[in-house]
Amino acid sequence: MIHLHDLTLSDIGRWVVYVHGELGKLKGWNQTVVWVVFKCNNEWDRFYDFTGEPCFPEDLEFWK
């Protein structure tokens, strides 16, 4: 589980895993959700240019 109060700007771009195993990159967050880019045509160096999906932080973990 990702804790919103622990996130910092340096976490943007980190790999995360959704509960069903899908890998993505953290794009941003607010008080309730985390936005994750899961699909970007394999252009991960440009992940921020793609739409992030809102996810509940309890459904995500940082990928090791």
Protein backbone atom coordinates (compact mmCIF):
# COMPACT_ATOMS: atom_id res chain seq x y z
CA MET A 1 0.00 0.00 0.00
CA ILE A 2 1.20 3.50 -0.81
CA HIS A 3 0.69 6.12 1.90
CA LEU A 4 -0.34 9.49 0.46
CA HIS A 5 1.19 11.46 3.33
CA ASP A 6 4.61 9.90 2.58
CA LEU A 7 4.70 10.84 -1.12
CA THR A 8 7.12 13.52 -2.30
CA LEU A 9 7.90 15.01 -5.69
CA SER A 10 10.79 12.56 -6.02
CA ASP A 11 8.21 9.73 -6.19
CA ILE A 12 6.86 10.97 -9.52
CA GLY A 13 8.02 8.55 -12.17
CA ARG A 14 8.55 5.63 -9.80
CA TRP A 15 7.29 2.25 -10.89
CA VAL A 16 4.19 0.99 -9.09
CA VAL A 17 2.22 -2.25 -9.25
CA TYR A 18 -1.57 -2.30 -9.20
CA VAL A 19 -3.29 -5.11 -7.24
CA HIS A 20 -3.96 -7.17 -10.37
CA GLY A 21 -0.26 -7.03 -11.32
CA GLU A 22 -0.23 -4.24 -13.90
CA LEU A 23 2.93 -2.15 -13.86
CA GLY A 24 2.84 1.62 -14.31
CA LYS A 25 4.52 4.88 -13.37
CA LEU A 26 3.27 7.26 -10.70
CA LYS A 27 2.23 10.57 -12.25
CA GLY A 28 0.68 12.50 -9.36
CA TRP A 29 -1.78 12.43 -6.48
CA ASN A 30 -4.25 14.41 -4.43
CA GLN A 31 -5.84 13.79 -1.02
CA THR A 32 -7.65 10.60 -2.11
CA VAL A 33 -6.19 9.07 -5.30
CA VAL A 34 -2.92 8.45 -7.10
CA TRP A 35 -2.69 8.87 -10.88
CA VAL A 36 -0.73 6.14 -12.62
CA VAL A 37 0.22 5.83 -16.29
CA PHE A 38 -0.21 2.20 -17.34
CA LYS A 39 -0.16 2.56 -21.11
CA CYS A 40 2.10 4.86 -23.07
CA ASN A 41 3.04 2.92 -26.21
CA ASN A 42 6.22 1.81 -24.43
CA GLU A 43 7.45 5.40 -24.41
CA TRP A 44 8.20 5.36 -20.68
CA ASP A 45 10.62 8.26 -20.97
CA ARG A 46 7.57 10.35 -21.97
CA PHE A 47 5.10 8.81 -19.47
CA TYR A 48 4.11 12.25 -18.17
CA ASP A 49 2.65 13.16 -21.58
CA PHE A 50 0.08 10.37 -21.26
CA THR A 51 -3.18 10.19 -19.31
CA GLY A 52 -2.94 8.73 -15.82
CA GLU A 53 -5.59 6.48 -14.32
CA PRO A 54 -6.88 7.36 -10.84
CA CYS A 55 -6.17 4.55 -8.36
CA PHE A 56 -6.76 4.17 -4.67
CA PRO A 57 -3.42 4.15 -2.84
CA GLU A 58 -4.33 0.96 -0.97
CA ASP A 59 -4.44 -0.82 -4.37
CA LEU A 60 -0.84 0.16 -5.23
CA GLU A 61 2.64 -0.80 -4.12
CA PHE A 62 6.01 0.51 -5.19
CA TRP A 63 7.69 -1.97 -7.51
CA LYS A 64 10.92 -3.35 -6.16
